[in-house]
Structures are given as C-alpha cells and as structure tokens.
Amino acid sequence: MARDIPDLSPLALPGADIAVRVTPRAARDRIQQEADGAIRVYVTTPPEDGKANEAVRRLLARALGLAKSRLQLVRGQTARDKVFRVQE
C-alpha cells in the first residue's frame, strides 16, 4: 500500500463501527492512525454534496482491504467526526 495509507485490515470485522475524524480540503489524501488508536482521514475533496464523504469511504475501504460498498456511513454525514460500519 501507499505510505500514506496504513494497513487497517485488523479493524475490518463484519459489523464493526470505525470512528474517524475527517479533514476536507487537505493538501493530499492520507490516513493517520494516532498513538491512542484514533483514525484521522485527510482528503483533498471539498465537503460539497457528499463528495468528501465518498472520498473518505473510498480511502478508508482501501486501507481496510474492503470493497467500498461494504462500508456504510452511519453517523456524521455533515460533521467532521464520522462513524462507518463494516457490512457483512
């Protein structure tokens, strides 16, 4: 994987909720896992019409080793703090 995308595959359990903090309009797309386990996702896409949410879903799915269709945004559609659920 790219160096800006860590391997988050251990978190890809069916039914698991994954909380992330999103920063739109970043300089580059990347995921950073903090020492306390928090996940920060940076995307270059602006937060307009759900485009940033889709970019986060795509990037997070790649880090988890899942198809993006298996990730569902369950909370935080318009907030920076979001929760994604891994579908069966």
Protein backbone atom coordinates (compact mmCIF):
# COMPACT_ATOMS: atom_id res chain seq x y z
CA MET A 1 0.00 0.00 0.00
CA ALA A 2 0.98 3.60 -0.36
CA ARG A 3 2.95 5.03 2.54
CA ASP A 4 0.15 7.50 3.36
CA ILE A 5 -2.36 4.68 3.83
CA PRO A 6 -1.73 2.39 6.81
CA ASP A 7 -2.90 -1.22 6.90
CA LEU A 8 -6.13 -1.14 8.90
CA SER A 9 -7.27 -4.63 7.88
CA PRO A 10 -7.43 -5.89 11.51
CA LEU A 11 -10.35 -3.48 12.01
CA ALA A 12 -12.33 -4.91 9.06
CA LEU A 13 -14.60 -7.17 11.09
CA PRO A 14 -18.23 -7.54 9.93
CA GLY A 15 -20.49 -5.28 11.99
CA ALA A 16 -17.60 -3.22 13.38
CA ASP A 17 -18.03 0.53 13.77
CA ILE A 18 -15.00 2.61 12.81
CA ALA A 19 -14.85 6.20 14.08
CA VAL A 20 -12.82 8.69 12.07
CA ARG A 21 -12.09 12.41 12.19
CA VAL A 22 -12.11 13.96 8.72
CA THR A 23 -10.22 16.96 7.37
CA PRO A 24 -11.51 18.01 3.93
CA ARG A 25 -9.54 20.22 1.52
CA ALA A 26 -6.23 18.75 2.72
CA ALA A 27 -3.02 19.02 0.74
CA ARG A 28 -3.11 15.28 -0.10
CA ASP A 29 -5.23 12.20 0.59
CA ARG A 30 -3.91 10.25 3.57
CA ILE A 31 -4.87 8.35 6.70
CA GLN A 32 -3.10 8.80 10.01
CA GLN A 33 -3.55 6.48 12.97
CA GLU A 34 -2.78 8.22 16.25
CA ALA A 35 -0.98 6.55 19.17
CA ASP A 36 -4.28 6.32 21.09
CA GLY A 37 -5.89 4.43 18.17
CA ALA A 38 -7.84 7.37 16.76
CA ILE A 39 -8.04 7.49 12.97
CA ARG A 40 -7.72 10.77 11.08
CA VAL A 41 -8.57 10.89 7.38
CA TYR A 42 -7.40 13.77 5.18
CA VAL A 43 -8.99 14.20 1.73
CA THR A 44 -8.42 16.85 -0.93
CA THR A 45 -12.12 16.91 -1.83
CA PRO A 46 -14.26 19.83 -0.59
CA PRO A 47 -17.26 18.99 1.62
CA GLU A 48 -19.91 19.66 -1.03
CA ASP A 49 -22.83 17.38 -1.93
CA GLY A 50 -21.34 14.39 -0.09
CA LYS A 51 -18.20 14.34 -2.26
CA ALA A 52 -15.85 14.39 0.74
CA ASN A 53 -17.80 11.57 2.43
CA GLU A 54 -17.43 9.45 -0.69
CA ALA A 55 -13.70 10.21 -0.88
CA VAL A 56 -13.29 9.20 2.78
CA ARG A 57 -15.24 5.98 2.19
CA ARG A 58 -13.07 5.11 -0.82
CA LEU A 59 -9.79 5.80 1.02
CA LEU A 60 -10.88 4.01 4.20
CA ALA A 61 -12.05 0.97 2.22
CA ARG A 62 -8.63 0.77 0.57
CA ALA A 63 -6.88 0.88 3.96
CA LEU A 64 -9.21 -1.80 5.34
CA GLY A 65 -8.82 -4.02 2.28
CA LEU A 66 -12.57 -3.97 1.59
CA ALA A 67 -14.82 -3.05 -1.29
CA LYS A 68 -16.19 0.45 -0.73
CA SER A 69 -19.72 -0.98 -0.98
CA ARG A 70 -19.06 -2.80 2.33
CA LEU A 71 -18.60 0.48 4.22
CA GLN A 72 -21.70 2.38 5.27
CA LEU A 73 -21.66 5.86 6.78
CA VAL A 74 -23.93 5.54 9.83
CA ARG A 75 -23.27 8.82 11.66
CA GLY A 76 -21.78 12.22 10.87
CA GLN A 77 -22.95 12.97 7.33
CA THR A 78 -22.30 16.69 7.83
CA ALA A 79 -19.83 16.55 10.75
CA ARG A 80 -16.07 16.09 10.88
CA ASP A 81 -16.45 13.14 13.26
CA LYS A 82 -17.93 10.20 11.37
CA VAL A 83 -18.70 6.56 12.05
CA PHE A 84 -18.54 3.93 9.32
CA ARG A 85 -19.90 0.39 9.71
CA VAL A 86 -18.40 -2.66 8.01
CA GLN A 87 -21.22 -4.59 6.32
CA GLU A 88 -21.41 -8.39 6.20
